[in-house]
PDB file of N, CA and C in Angstrom:
ATOM      1  N   MET A   1      49.464 142.133  69.088  1.00  0.00           N
ATOM      2  CA  MET A   1      48.661 141.793  70.455  1.00  0.00           C
ATOM      3  C   MET A   1      49.341 142.955  71.351  1.00  0.00           C
ATOM      4  N   ASP A   2      48.384 143.395  72.228  1.00  0.00           N
ATOM      5  CA  ASP A   2      48.740 144.330  73.159  1.00  0.00           C
ATOM      6  C   ASP A   2      48.791 143.740  74.514  1.00  0.00           C
ATOM      7  N   LEU A   3      50.141 143.794  75.063  1.00  0.00           N
ATOM      8  CA  LEU A   3      50.334 143.265  76.326  1.00  0.00           C
ATOM      9  C   LEU A   3      50.388 144.301  77.455  1.00  0.00           C
ATOM     10  N   SER A   4      49.829 145.419  77.330  1.00  0.00           N
ATOM     11  CA  SER A   4      49.716 146.506  78.337  1.00  0.00           C
ATOM     12  C   SER A   4      49.104 146.072  79.654  1.00  0.00           C
ATOM     13  N   ASP A   5      48.096 145.059  79.428  1.00  0.00           N
ATOM     14  CA  ASP A   5      47.270 144.910  80.566  1.00  0.00           C
ATOM     15  C   ASP A   5      47.929 143.539  81.429  1.00  0.00           C
ATOM     16  N   LEU A   6      49.079 142.959  80.945  1.00  0.00           N
ATOM     17  CA  LEU A   6      49.696 141.733  81.459  1.00  0.00           C
ATOM     18  C   LEU A   6      49.952 142.061  82.770  1.00  0.00           C
ATOM     19  N   PHE A   7      50.507 143.262  83.224  1.00  0.00           N
ATOM     20  CA  PHE A   7      51.010 143.604  84.655  1.00  0.00           C
ATOM     21  C   PHE A   7      50.301 144.745  85.231  1.00  0.00           C
ATOM     22  N   ALA A   8      49.103 144.983  84.700  1.00  0.00           N
ATOM     23  CA  ALA A   8      48.277 146.232  85.110  1.00  0.00           C
ATOM     24  C   ALA A   8      47.358 145.703  86.414  1.00  0.00           C
ATOM     25  N   VAL A   9      48.055 145.454  87.456  1.00  0.00           N
ATOM     26  CA  VAL A   9      47.414 144.953  88.652  1.00  0.00           C
ATOM     27  C   VAL A   9      46.560 146.212  89.254  1.00  0.00           C
ATOM     28  N   ASN A  10      46.944 147.306  89.149  1.00  0.00           N
ATOM     29  CA  ASN A  10      46.164 148.474  89.835  1.00  0.00           C
ATOM     30  C   ASN A  10      45.121 148.959  88.730  1.00  0.00           C
ATOM     31  N   LYS A  11      44.850 148.171  87.682  1.00  0.00           N
ATOM     32  CA  LYS A  11      43.700 148.455  86.764  1.00  0.00           C
ATOM     33  C   LYS A  11      42.868 147.247  86.802  1.00  0.00           C
ATOM     34  N   ARG A  12      42.805 146.486  87.801  1.00  0.00           N
ATOM     35  CA  ARG A  12      41.821 145.399  87.880  1.00  0.00           C
ATOM     36  C   ARG A  12      40.421 145.843  87.945  1.00  0.00           C
ATOM     37  N   ILE A  13      39.671 145.065  87.348  1.00  0.00           N
ATOM     38  CA  ILE A  13      38.143 145.463  87.572  1.00  0.00           C
ATOM     39  C   ILE A  13      37.492 145.092  88.916  1.00  0.00           C
ATOM     40  N   ILE A  14      36.607 145.771  89.546  1.00  0.00           N
ATOM     41  CA  ILE A  14      36.083 145.734  90.797  1.00  0.00           C
ATOM     42  C   ILE A  14      34.642 145.605  90.656  1.00  0.00           C
ATOM     43  N   GLY A  15      33.942 144.614  91.116  1.00  0.00           N
ATOM     44  CA  GLY A  15      32.618 144.576  91.058  1.00  0.00           C
ATOM     45  C   GLY A  15      32.141 143.760  89.688  1.00  0.00           C
ATOM     46  N   THR A  16      30.759 143.778  89.565  1.00  0.00           N
ATOM     47  CA  THR A  16      30.219 143.219  88.278  1.00  0.00           C
ATOM     48  C   THR A  16      29.900 144.127  87.180  1.00  0.00           C
ATOM     49  N   LYS A  17      30.438 143.789  85.943  1.00  0.00           N
ATOM     50  CA  LYS A  17      30.238 144.644  84.792  1.00  0.00           C
ATOM     51  C   LYS A  17      29.445 143.984  83.902  1.00  0.00           C
ATOM     52  N   ILE A  18      28.492 144.742  83.332  1.00  0.00           N
ATOM     53  CA  ILE A  18      27.573 144.152  82.221  1.00  0.00           C
ATOM     54  C   ILE A  18      28.132 144.909  80.947  1.00  0.00           C
ATOM     55  N   MET A  19      28.527 143.960  79.859  1.00  0.00           N
ATOM     56  CA  MET A  19      28.995 144.476  78.776  1.00  0.00           C
ATOM     57  C   MET A  19      28.114 143.994  77.545  1.00  0.00           C
ATOM     58  N   SER A  20      27.832 145.117  76.677  1.00  0.00           N
ATOM     59  CA  SER A  20      26.841 144.778  75.696  1.00  0.00           C
ATOM     60  C   SER A  20      27.345 145.406  74.333  1.00  0.00           C
ATOM     61  N   LYS A  21      26.842 144.581  73.320  1.00  0.00           N
ATOM     62  CA  LYS A  21      27.421 144.935  71.897  1.00  0.00           C
ATOM     63  C   LYS A  21      26.282 144.553  70.951  1.00  0.00           C
ATOM     64  N   GLN A  22      25.877 145.417  69.966  1.00  0.00           N
ATOM     65  CA  GLN A  22      24.850 145.167  69.036  1.00  0.00           C
ATOM     66  C   GLN A  22      25.580 144.336  67.714  1.00  0.00           C
ATOM     67  N   VAL A  23      24.900 143.155  67.419  1.00  0.00           N
ATOM     68  CA  VAL A  23      25.373 142.331  66.239  1.00  0.00           C
ATOM     69  C   VAL A  23      24.157 142.035  65.585  1.00  0.00           C
ATOM     70  N   ASN A  24      24.045 142.488  64.192  1.00  0.00           N
ATOM     71  CA  ASN A  24      23.064 142.265  63.330  1.00  0.00           C
ATOM     72  C   ASN A  24      21.697 142.568  63.971  1.00  0.00           C
ATOM     73  N   GLY A  25      21.659 143.929  64.714  1.00  0.00           N
ATOM     74  CA  GLY A  25      20.457 144.376  65.273  1.00  0.00           C
ATOM     75  C   GLY A  25      20.076 143.720  66.474  1.00  0.00           C
ATOM     76  N   LYS A  26      20.867 142.959  67.073  1.00  0.00           N
ATOM     77  CA  LYS A  26      20.666 141.906  68.186  1.00  0.00           C
ATOM     78  C   LYS A  26      21.711 142.326  69.312  1.00  0.00           C
ATOM     79  N   ALA A  27      21.123 142.675  70.527  1.00  0.00           N
ATOM     80  CA  ALA A  27      22.012 142.934  71.623  1.00  0.00           C
ATOM     81  C   ALA A  27      22.469 141.711  72.179  1.00  0.00           C
ATOM     82  N   ILE A  28      23.802 141.748  72.363  1.00  0.00           N
ATOM     83  CA  ILE A  28      24.524 140.722  72.952  1.00  0.00           C
ATOM     84  C   ILE A  28      25.165 141.070  74.459  1.00  0.00           C
ATOM     85  N   GLU A  29      24.851 140.499  75.539  1.00  0.00           N
ATOM     86  CA  GLU A  29      25.274 140.896  76.726  1.00  0.00           C
ATOM     87  C   GLU A  29      26.253 139.784  77.400  1.00  0.00           C
ATOM     88  N   LYS A  30      27.314 140.266  77.849  1.00  0.00           N
ATOM     89  CA  LYS A  30      28.165 139.562  78.756  1.00  0.00           C
ATOM     90  C   LYS A  30      28.490 140.014  80.053  1.00  0.00           C
ATOM     91  N   THR A  31      28.533 139.136  81.230  1.00  0.00           N
ATOM     92  CA  THR A  31      28.955 139.521  82.544  1.00  0.00           C
ATOM     93  C   THR A  31      30.118 139.197  82.868  1.00  0.00           C
ATOM     94  N   VAL A  32      30.885 140.234  83.460  1.00  0.00           N
ATOM     95  CA  VAL A  32      32.177 139.997  83.789  1.00  0.00           C
ATOM     96  C   VAL A  32      32.226 140.401  85.427  1.00  0.00           C
ATOM     97  N   LEU A  33      32.652 139.287  86.183  1.00  0.00           N
ATOM     98  CA  LEU A  33      32.799 139.394  87.657  1.00  0.00           C
ATOM     99  C   LEU A  33      34.156 139.714  88.027  1.00  0.00           C
ATOM    100  N   GLY A  34      34.215 140.869  88.821  1.00  0.00           N
ATOM    101  CA  GLY A  34      35.544 141.333  89.392  1.00  0.00           C
ATOM    102  C   GLY A  34      35.820 140.443  90.396  1.00  0.00           C
ATOM    103  N   GLY A  35      37.108 140.378  90.836  1.00  0.00           N
ATOM    104  CA  GLY A  35      37.610 139.566  91.870  1.00  0.00           C
ATOM    105  C   GLY A  35      38.248 138.313  91.501  1.00  0.00           C
ATOM    106  N   PHE A  36      38.529 137.569  92.428  1.00  0.00           N
ATOM    107  CA  PHE A  36      39.421 136.186  92.213  1.00  0.00           C
ATOM    108  C   PHE A  36      38.752 135.096  91.432  1.00  0.00           C
ATOM    109  N   CYS A  37      39.307 134.774  90.400  1.00  0.00           N
ATOM    110  CA  CYS A  37      38.688 133.605  89.687  1.00  0.00           C
ATOM    111  C   CYS A  37      39.396 132.174  89.891  1.00  0.00           C
ATOM    112  N   TRP A  38      38.696 131.441  90.889  1.00  0.00           N
ATOM    113  CA  TRP A  38      39.218 130.194  91.266  1.00  0.00           C
ATOM    114  C   TRP A  38      39.386 129.216  90.206  1.00  0.00           C
ATOM    115  N   TRP A  39      38.548 129.115  89.152  1.00  0.00           N
ATOM    116  CA  TRP A  39      38.682 128.292  88.137  1.00  0.00           C
ATOM    117  C   TRP A  39      39.916 128.582  87.396  1.00  0.00           C
ATOM    118  N   ALA A  40      40.204 129.725  87.126  1.00  0.00           N
ATOM    119  CA  ALA A  40      41.461 130.061  86.293  1.00  0.00           C
ATOM    120  C   ALA A  40      42.677 129.814  87.369  1.00  0.00           C
ATOM    121  N   PHE A  41      42.658 130.013  88.541  1.00  0.00           N
ATOM    122  CA  PHE A  41      43.658 129.670  89.612  1.00  0.00           C
ATOM    123  C   PHE A  41      44.104 128.108  89.328  1.00  0.00           C
ATOM    124  N   PHE A  42      43.133 127.247  89.267  1.00  0.00           N
ATOM    125  CA  PHE A  42      43.423 125.821  89.211  1.00  0.00           C
ATOM    126  C   PHE A  42      43.527 125.366  87.643  1.00  0.00           C
ATOM    127  N   PHE A  43      42.970 125.702  86.633  1.00  0.00           N
ATOM    128  CA  PHE A  43      43.010 125.278  85.433  1.00  0.00           C
ATOM    129  C   PHE A  43      43.570 126.234  84.317  1.00  0.00           C
ATOM    130  N   THR A  44      44.032 127.457  84.663  1.00  0.00           N
ATOM    131  CA  THR A  44      44.635 128.411  83.756  1.00  0.00           C
ATOM    132  C   THR A  44      44.180 128.538  82.257  1.00  0.00           C
ATOM    133  N   VAL A  45      44.888 128.174  81.439  1.00  0.00           N
ATOM    134  CA  VAL A  45      44.487 128.279  80.000  1.00  0.00           C
ATOM    135  C   VAL A  45      43.427 127.241  79.662  1.00  0.00           C
ATOM    136  N   PHE A  46      43.408 126.248  80.288  1.00  0.00           N
ATOM    137  CA  PHE A  46      42.363 125.177  79.995  1.00  0.00           C
ATOM    138  C   PHE A  46      40.900 125.779  80.350  1.00  0.00           C
ATOM    139  N   TYR A  47      40.957 126.576  81.277  1.00  0.00           N
ATOM    140  CA  TYR A  47      39.710 127.148  81.663  1.00  0.00           C
ATOM    141  C   TYR A  47      39.066 128.177  80.537  1.00  0.00           C
ATOM    142  N   ALA A  48      40.187 128.935  79.941  1.00  0.00           N
ATOM    143  CA  ALA A  48      39.860 129.755  78.929  1.00  0.00           C
ATOM    144  C   ALA A  48      39.348 129.069  77.398  1.00  0.00           C
ATOM    145  N   MET A  49      40.031 127.984  77.353  1.00  0.00           N
ATOM    146  CA  MET A  49      39.670 127.153  76.178  1.00  0.00           C
ATOM    147  C   MET A  49      38.282 126.605  76.306  1.00  0.00           C
ATOM    148  N   PHE A  50      37.865 125.961  77.255  1.00  0.00           N
ATOM    149  CA  PHE A  50      36.856 124.983  77.407  1.00  0.00           C
ATOM    150  C   PHE A  50      35.656 125.730  78.015  1.00  0.00           C
ATOM    151  N   SER A  51      35.730 126.808  78.548  1.00  0.00           N
ATOM    152  CA  SER A  51      34.559 127.443  79.248  1.00  0.00           C
ATOM    153  C   SER A  51      33.770 128.245  78.217  1.00  0.00           C
ATOM    154  N   LYS A  52      32.393 127.945  78.231  1.00  0.00           N
ATOM    155  CA  LYS A  52      31.605 128.664  77.299  1.00  0.00           C
ATOM    156  C   LYS A  52      31.345 130.109  77.661  1.00  0.00           C
ATOM    157  N   LYS A  53      31.592 130.484  78.896  1.00  0.00           N
ATOM    158  CA  LYS A  53      31.470 131.893  79.459  1.00  0.00           C
ATOM    159  C   LYS A  53      32.381 132.766  78.977  1.00  0.00           C
ATOM    160  N   TYR A  54      33.633 132.317  78.621  1.00  0.00           N
ATOM    161  CA  TYR A  54      34.721 133.171  78.105  1.00  0.00           C
ATOM    162  C   TYR A  54      35.010 133.161  76.700  1.00  0.00           C
ATOM    163  N   LYS A  55      33.931 132.675  75.776  1.00  0.00           N
ATOM    164  CA  LYS A  55      33.988 132.667  74.311  1.00  0.00           C
ATOM    165  C   LYS A  55      33.985 134.032  73.791  1.00  0.00           C
ATOM    166  N   THR A  56      35.198 134.470  73.450  1.00  0.00           N
ATOM    167  CA  THR A  56      35.078 135.769  72.588  1.00  0.00           C
ATOM    168  C   THR A  56      36.438 135.778  72.015  1.00  0.00           C
ATOM    169  N   LYS A  57      36.273 136.492  70.695  1.00  0.00           N
ATOM    170  CA  LYS A  57      37.457 136.524  69.751  1.00  0.00           C
ATOM    171  C   LYS A  57      38.786 136.979  70.342  1.00  0.00           C
ATOM    172  N   GLY A  58      39.715 136.069  70.367  1.00  0.00           N
ATOM    173  CA  GLY A  58      41.025 136.569  70.685  1.00  0.00           C
ATOM    174  C   GLY A  58      41.337 136.327  72.199  1.00  0.00           C
ATOM    175  N   PHE A  59      40.377 136.026  72.797  1.00  0.00           N
ATOM    176  CA  PHE A  59      40.711 135.775  74.347  1.00  0.00           C
ATOM    177  C   PHE A  59      41.728 134.655  74.744  1.00  0.00           C
ATOM    178  N   VAL A  60      41.501 133.528  73.987  1.00  0.00           N
ATOM    179  CA  VAL A  60      42.164 132.295  74.474  1.00  0.00           C
ATOM    180  C   VAL A  60      43.683 132.533  73.925  1.00  0.00           C
ATOM    181  N   THR A  61      43.868 133.297  72.881  1.00  0.00           N
ATOM    182  CA  THR A  61      45.281 133.667  72.435  1.00  0.00           C
ATOM    183  C   THR A  61      45.893 134.506  73.365  1.00  0.00           C
ATOM    184  N   LYS A  62      45.112 135.440  73.862  1.00  0.00           N
ATOM    185  CA  LYS A  62      45.617 136.522  74.786  1.00  0.00           C
ATOM    186  C   LYS A  62      46.002 135.615  76.125  1.00  0.00           C
ATOM    187  N   VAL A  63      45.164 134.783  76.619  1.00  0.00           N
ATOM    188  CA  VAL A  63      45.528 134.052  77.663  1.00  0.00           C
ATOM    189  C   VAL A  63      46.798 133.076  77.672  1.00  0.00           C
ATOM    190  N   PHE A  64      46.852 132.578  76.391  1.00  0.00           N
ATOM    191  CA  PHE A  64      48.049 131.876  76.001  1.00  0.00           C
ATOM    192  C   PHE A  64      49.428 132.471  76.141  1.00  0.00           C
ATOM    193  N   VAL A  65      49.360 133.636  75.555  1.00  0.00           N
ATOM    194  CA  VAL A  65      50.514 134.629  75.343  1.00  0.00           C
ATOM    195  C   VAL A  65      50.980 135.043  76.851  1.00  0.00           C
ATOM    196  N   ASN A  66      49.895 135.530  77.525  1.00  0.00           N
ATOM    197  CA  ASN A  66      50.180 136.009  78.898  1.00  0.00           C
ATOM    198  C   ASN A  66      50.652 134.781  79.878  1.00  0.00           C
ATOM    199  N   VAL A  67      50.069 133.683  79.806  1.00  0.00           N
ATOM    200  CA  VAL A  67      50.591 132.557  80.581  1.00  0.00           C
ATOM    201  C   VAL A  67      51.839 132.217  80.354  1.00  0.00           C
ATOM    202  N   PHE A  68      52.167 132.280  78.915  1.00  0.00           N
ATOM    203  CA  PHE A  68      53.578 131.817  78.402  1.00  0.00           C
ATOM    204  C   PHE A  68      54.645 132.641  78.902  1.00  0.00           C
ATOM    205  N   ILE A  69      54.423 133.935  78.860  1.00  0.00           N
ATOM    206  CA  ILE A  69      55.287 135.094  79.437  1.00  0.00           C
ATOM    207  C   ILE A  69      55.491 134.876  81.141  1.00  0.00           C
ATOM    208  N   LEU A  70      54.297 134.440  81.582  1.00  0.00           N
ATOM    209  CA  LEU A  70      54.492 134.308  83.063  1.00  0.00           C
ATOM    210  C   LEU A  70      55.389 133.058  83.389  1.00  0.00           C
ATOM    211  N   ILE A  71      55.113 131.986  82.464  1.00  0.00           N
ATOM    212  CA  ILE A  71      55.876 130.741  82.685  1.00  0.00           C
ATOM    213  C   ILE A  71      57.574 131.013  82.422  1.00  0.00           C
ATOM    214  N   LEU A  72      57.577 131.820  81.252  1.00  0.00           N
ATOM    215  CA  LEU A  72      59.190 132.196  81.163  1.00  0.00           C
ATOM    216  C   LEU A  72      59.694 132.885  82.377  1.00  0.00           C
ATOM    217  N   ILE A  73      58.970 133.785  82.998  1.00  0.00           N
ATOM    218  CA  ILE A  73      59.397 134.474  84.253  1.00  0.00           C
ATOM    219  C   ILE A  73      59.558 133.580  85.359  1.00  0.00           C
ATOM    220  N   ASN A  74      58.808 132.663  85.381  1.00  0.00           N
ATOM    221  CA  ASN A  74      58.781 131.543  86.396  1.00  0.00           C
ATOM    222  C   ASN A  74      59.914 130.777  86.183  1.00  0.00           C
ATOM    223  N   CYS A  75      60.335 130.258  85.049  1.00  0.00           N
ATOM    224  CA  CYS A  75      61.609 129.545  84.723  1.00  0.00           C
ATOM    225  C   CYS A  75      62.846 130.369  85.112  1.00  0.00           C
ATOM    226  N   GLY A  76      62.843 131.523  84.631  1.00  0.00           N
ATOM    227  CA  GLY A  76      63.996 132.419  85.144  1.00  0.00           C
ATOM    228  C   GLY A  76      64.208 132.524  86.684  1.00  0.00           C
ATOM    229  N   LEU A  77      63.207 132.786  87.504  1.00  0.00           N
ATOM    230  CA  LEU A  77      63.167 132.851  88.858  1.00  0.00           C
ATOM    231  C   LEU A  77      63.571 131.509  89.416  1.00  0.00           C
ATOM    232  N   SER A  78      62.926 130.347  88.932  1.00  0.00           N
ATOM    233  CA  SER A  78      63.422 129.002  89.557  1.00  0.00           C
ATOM    234  C   SER A  78      64.826 128.649  89.197  1.00  0.00           C
ATOM    235  N   TYR A  79      65.320 129.251  88.202  1.00  0.00           N
ATOM    236  CA  TYR A  79      66.677 129.124  87.803  1.00  0.00           C
ATOM    237  C   TYR A  79      67.675 129.799  88.797  1.00  0.00           C
ATOM    238  N   LEU A  80      67.306 131.045  88.978  1.00  0.00           N
ATOM    239  CA  LEU A  80      68.151 131.970  90.012  1.00  0.00           C
ATOM    240  C   LEU A  80      68.007 131.613  91.459  1.00  0.00           C
ATOM    241  N   PHE A  81      66.820 130.874  91.915  1.00  0.00           N
ATOM    242  CA  PHE A  81      66.723 130.553  93.287  1.00  0.00           C
ATOM    243  C   PHE A  81      66.424 129.118  93.334  1.00  0.00           C
ATOM    244  N   ASP A  82      67.253 128.459  93.749  1.00  0.00           N
ATOM    245  CA  ASP A  82      67.195 127.023  93.799  1.00  0.00           C
ATOM    246  C   ASP A  82      66.159 126.578  94.883  1.00  0.00           C
ATOM    247  N   ASN A  83      65.458 125.297  94.444  1.00  0.00           N
ATOM    248  CA  ASN A  83      64.287 124.726  95.177  1.00  0.00           C
ATOM    249  C   ASN A  83      63.329 125.761  95.425  1.00  0.00           C
ATOM    250  N   SER A  84      63.116 126.700  94.587  1.00  0.00           N
ATOM    251  CA  SER A  84      61.663 127.600  95.036  1.00  0.00           C
ATOM    252  C   SER A  84      60.891 127.501  93.795  1.00  0.00           C
ATOM    253  N   ASP A  85      60.769 126.425  93.182  1.00  0.00           N
ATOM    254  CA  ASP A  85      59.709 126.187  92.120  1.00  0.00           C
ATOM    255  C   ASP A  85      58.343 126.415  92.673  1.00  0.00           C
ATOM    256  N   TRP A  86      58.109 125.661  93.690  1.00  0.00           N
ATOM    257  CA  TRP A  86      56.671 125.543  94.210  1.00  0.00           C
ATOM    258  C   TRP A  86      56.179 127.035  94.545  1.00  0.00           C
ATOM    259  N   LEU A  87      57.044 127.969  95.032  1.00  0.00           N
ATOM    260  CA  LEU A  87      56.776 129.225  95.456  1.00  0.00           C
ATOM    261  C   LEU A  87      56.413 130.009  94.012  1.00  0.00           C
ATOM    262  N   TRP A  88      57.227 129.922  93.076  1.00  0.00           N
ATOM    263  CA  TRP A  88      56.920 130.730  91.733  1.00  0.00           C
ATOM    264  C   TRP A  88      55.487 130.194  91.136  1.00  0.00           C
ATOM    265  N   ASN A  89      55.497 128.871  91.250  1.00  0.00           N
ATOM    266  CA  ASN A  89      54.121 128.310  90.526  1.00  0.00           C
ATOM    267  C   ASN A  89      52.945 128.700  91.341  1.00  0.00           C
ATOM    268  N   LEU A  90      53.151 128.762  92.733  1.00  0.00           N
ATOM    269  CA  LEU A  90      51.800 129.231  93.425  1.00  0.00           C
ATOM    270  C   LEU A  90      51.673 130.898  93.157  1.00  0.00           C
ATOM    271  N   VAL A  91      52.784 131.681  93.114  1.00  0.00           N
ATOM    272  CA  VAL A  91      52.501 133.099  92.835  1.00  0.00           C
ATOM    273  C   VAL A  91      52.047 133.132  91.434  1.00  0.00           C
ATOM    274  N   GLU A  92      52.373 132.485  90.514  1.00  0.00           N
ATOM    275  CA  GLU A  92      51.972 132.516  89.101  1.00  0.00           C
ATOM    276  C   GLU A  92      50.413 132.147  88.928  1.00  0.00           C
ATOM    277  N   ALA A  93      49.950 131.121  89.764  1.00  0.00           N
ATOM    278  CA  ALA A  93      48.462 130.633  89.738  1.00  0.00           C
ATOM    279  C   ALA A  93      47.748 131.778  90.326  1.00  0.00           C
ATOM    280  N   ILE A  94      48.284 132.508  91.639  1.00  0.00           N
ATOM    281  CA  ILE A  94      47.417 133.541  92.142  1.00  0.00           C
ATOM    282  C   ILE A  94      47.242 134.577  91.300  1.00  0.00           C
ATOM    283  N   TYR A  95      48.458 135.126  90.714  1.00  0.00           N
ATOM    284  CA  TYR A  95      48.311 136.250  89.710  1.00  0.00           C
ATOM    285  C   TYR A  95      47.293 135.878  88.626  1.00  0.00           C
ATOM    286  N   ILE A  96      47.444 134.634  88.004  1.00  0.00           N
ATOM    287  CA  ILE A  96      46.486 134.465  86.998  1.00  0.00           C
ATOM    288  C   ILE A  96      44.940 134.389  87.452  1.00  0.00           C
ATOM    289  N   GLY A  97      44.628 134.001  88.566  1.00  0.00           N
ATOM    290  CA  GLY A  97      43.418 134.018  89.183  1.00  0.00           C
ATOM    291  C   GLY A  97      42.953 135.494  89.383  1.00  0.00           C
ATOM    292  N   LEU A  98      43.835 136.300  89.810  1.00  0.00           N
ATOM    293  CA  LEU A  98      43.633 137.753  90.098  1.00  0.00           C
ATOM    294  C   LEU A  98      43.193 138.620  88.854  1.00  0.00           C
ATOM    295  N   MET A  99      44.067 138.132  87.828  1.00  0.00           N
ATOM    296  CA  MET A  99      44.155 138.933  86.653  1.00  0.00           C
ATOM    297  C   MET A  99      43.010 138.512  85.356  1.00  0.00           C
ATOM    298  N   PHE A 100      42.447 137.180  85.458  1.00  0.00           N
ATOM    299  CA  PHE A 100      41.866 136.528  84.499  1.00  0.00           C
ATOM    300  C   PHE A 100      40.615 137.330  83.920  1.00  0.00           C
ATOM    301  N   ASN A 101      39.736 137.747  85.050  1.00  0.00           N
ATOM    302  CA  ASN A 101      38.578 138.525  84.543  1.00  0.00           C
ATOM    303  C   ASN A 101      38.897 139.960  84.075  1.00  0.00           C
ATOM    304  N   THR A 102      40.068 140.425  84.551  1.00  0.00           N
ATOM    305  CA  THR A 102      40.389 141.775  83.809  1.00  0.00           C
ATOM    306  C   THR A 102      40.785 141.547  82.564  1.00  0.00           C
ATOM    307  N   TRP A 103      41.662 140.453  82.263  1.00  0.00           N
ATOM    308  CA  TRP A 103      42.053 140.278  80.830  1.00  0.00           C
ATOM    309  C   TRP A 103      40.720 140.078  79.927  1.00  0.00           C
ATOM    310  N   TYR A 104      39.770 139.448  80.438  1.00  0.00           N
ATOM    311  CA  TYR A 104      38.543 139.030  79.745  1.00  0.00           C
ATOM    312  C   TYR A 104      37.962 140.444  79.394  1.00  0.00           C
ATOM    313  N   TYR A 105      37.761 141.244  80.480  1.00  0.00           N
ATOM    314  CA  TYR A 105      36.920 142.594  80.200  1.00  0.00           C
ATOM    315  C   TYR A 105      37.713 143.482  79.220  1.00  0.00           C
ATOM    316  N   ASN A 106      39.034 143.393  79.340  1.00  0.00           N
ATOM    317  CA  ASN A 106      39.834 144.285  78.246  1.00  0.00           C
ATOM    318  C   ASN A 106      39.711 143.710  76.856  1.00  0.00           C
ATOM    319  N   GLN A 107      39.494 142.337  76.882  1.00  0.00           N
ATOM    320  CA  GLN A 107      39.442 141.612  75.436  1.00  0.00           C
ATOM    321  C   GLN A 107      38.029 142.069  74.884  1.00  0.00           C
ATOM    322  N   LEU A 108      36.990 142.006  75.802  1.00  0.00           N
ATOM    323  CA  LEU A 108      35.621 142.342  75.262  1.00  0.00           C
ATOM    324  C   LEU A 108      35.667 143.930  74.848  1.00  0.00           C
ATOM    325  N   ILE A 109      36.351 144.659  75.543  1.00  0.00           N
ATOM    326  CA  ILE A 109      36.246 146.262  75.022  1.00  0.00           C
ATOM    327  C   ILE A 109      37.068 146.199  73.582  1.00  0.00           C
ATOM    328  N   LYS A 110      38.000 145.605  73.439  1.00  0.00           N
ATOM    329  CA  LYS A 110      38.782 145.484  72.098  1.00  0.00           C
ATOM    330  C   LYS A 110      37.945 144.897  71.021  1.00  0.00           C
ATOM    331  N   ASN A 111      36.955 143.947  71.542  1.00  0.00           N
ATOM    332  CA  ASN A 111      36.064 143.376  70.507  1.00  0.00           C
ATOM    333  C   ASN A 111      34.718 144.283  70.327  1.00  0.00           C
ATOM    334  N   GLY A 112      34.877 145.453  70.792  1.00  0.00           N
ATOM    335  CA  GLY A 112      33.669 146.430  70.588  1.00  0.00           C
ATOM    336  C   GLY A 112      32.558 146.423  71.509  1.00  0.00           C
ATOM    337  N   TYR A 113      32.691 145.655  72.621  1.00  0.00           N
ATOM    338  CA  TYR A 113      31.703 145.550  73.692  1.00  0.00           C
ATOM    339  C   TYR A 113      31.795 146.956  74.455  1.00  0.00           C
ATOM    340  N   GLN A 114      30.767 147.395  74.939  1.00  0.00           N
ATOM    341  CA  GLN A 114      30.856 148.629  75.781  1.00  0.00           C
ATOM    342  C   GLN A 114      30.053 148.281  77.323  1.00  0.00           C
ATOM    343  N   GLU A 115      30.611 149.221  78.233  1.00  0.00           N
ATOM    344  CA  GLU A 115      29.899 148.858  79.607  1.00  0.00           C
ATOM    345  C   GLU A 115      28.702 149.344  79.527  1.00  0.00           C
ATOM    346  N   ASP A 116      27.663 148.555  80.044  1.00  0.00           N
ATOM    347  CA  ASP A 116      26.292 149.155  80.036  1.00  0.00           C
ATOM    348  C   ASP A 116      26.038 149.624  81.530  1.00  0.00           C
ATOM    349  N   HIS A 117      26.033 151.055  81.778  1.00  0.00           N
ATOM    350  CA  HIS A 117      25.882 151.597  82.918  1.00  0.00           C
ATOM    351  C   HIS A 117      24.344 151.864  83.442  1.00  0.00           C
ATOM    352  N   LYS A 118      23.523 151.547  82.497  1.00  0.00           N
ATOM    353  CA  LYS A 118      22.030 151.698  82.707  1.00  0.00           C
ATOM    354  C   LYS A 118      21.327 150.280  83.175  1.00  0.00           C
ATOM    355  N   HIS A 119      22.151 149.214  83.161  1.00  0.00           N
ATOM    356  CA  HIS A 119      21.648 147.802  83.327  1.00  0.00           C
ATOM    357  C   HIS A 119      21.405 147.934  84.966  1.00  0.00           C
ATOM    358  N   ALA A 120      20.079 147.250  85.243  1.00  0.00           N
ATOM    359  CA  ALA A 120      19.760 147.005  86.726  1.00  0.00           C
ATOM    360  C   ALA A 120      20.763 146.393  87.416  1.00  0.00           C
ATOM    361  N   PRO A 121      20.924 146.463  88.792  1.00  0.00           N
ATOM    362  CA  PRO A 121      21.931 145.858  89.577  1.00  0.00           C
ATOM    363  C   PRO A 121      21.418 144.389  89.477  1.00  0.00           C
ATOM    364  N   LEU A 122      22.403 143.449  89.653  1.00  0.00           N
ATOM    365  CA  LEU A 122      22.225 141.946  89.529  1.00  0.00           C
ATOM    366  C   LEU A 122      22.056 141.503  90.901  1.00  0.00           C
ATOM    367  N   GLU A 123      21.092 140.272  91.080  1.00  0.00           N
ATOM    368  CA  GLU A 123      20.694 139.853  92.504  1.00  0.00           C
ATOM    369  C   GLU A 123      22.029 139.618  93.297  1.00  0.00           C
ATOM    370  N   PHE A 124      23.054 138.931  92.718  1.00  0.00           N
ATOM    371  CA  PHE A 124      24.110 138.454  93.553  1.00  0.00           C
ATOM    372  C   PHE A 124      25.143 139.512  93.947  1.00  0.00           C
ATOM    373  N   GLU A 125      24.800 140.921  93.602  1.00  0.00           N
ATOM    374  CA  GLU A 125      25.755 141.864  93.946  1.00  0.00           C
ATOM    375  C   GLU A 125      25.652 142.064  95.365  1.00  0.00           C
TER     376      GLU A 125
END
């Protein structure tokens, strides 16, 4: 598993990306929205597990590993700084909300999807 994008805050996706892949002669498209993901902020790993939008091979495992590493960092900081658990939990949730769609985008690329630059702009952009 590649953890290089765990702390790649400066490589976050911006804007809406359309990803496409050919499977058995059929084009599959997935939309990745850049920006903050409120659902991931509130539900973290459970959002990746139960959301139909984020169904792609390896993504749930990637989110589990990333969140586990962040929890270990959270525990270490909570141990070092007494009575600061709430702060580290909030920082962790914000970070997951910021990086969730970028992790999804990177997983789609690893699964063979390519960004479709010829796609017409979406209505909600």
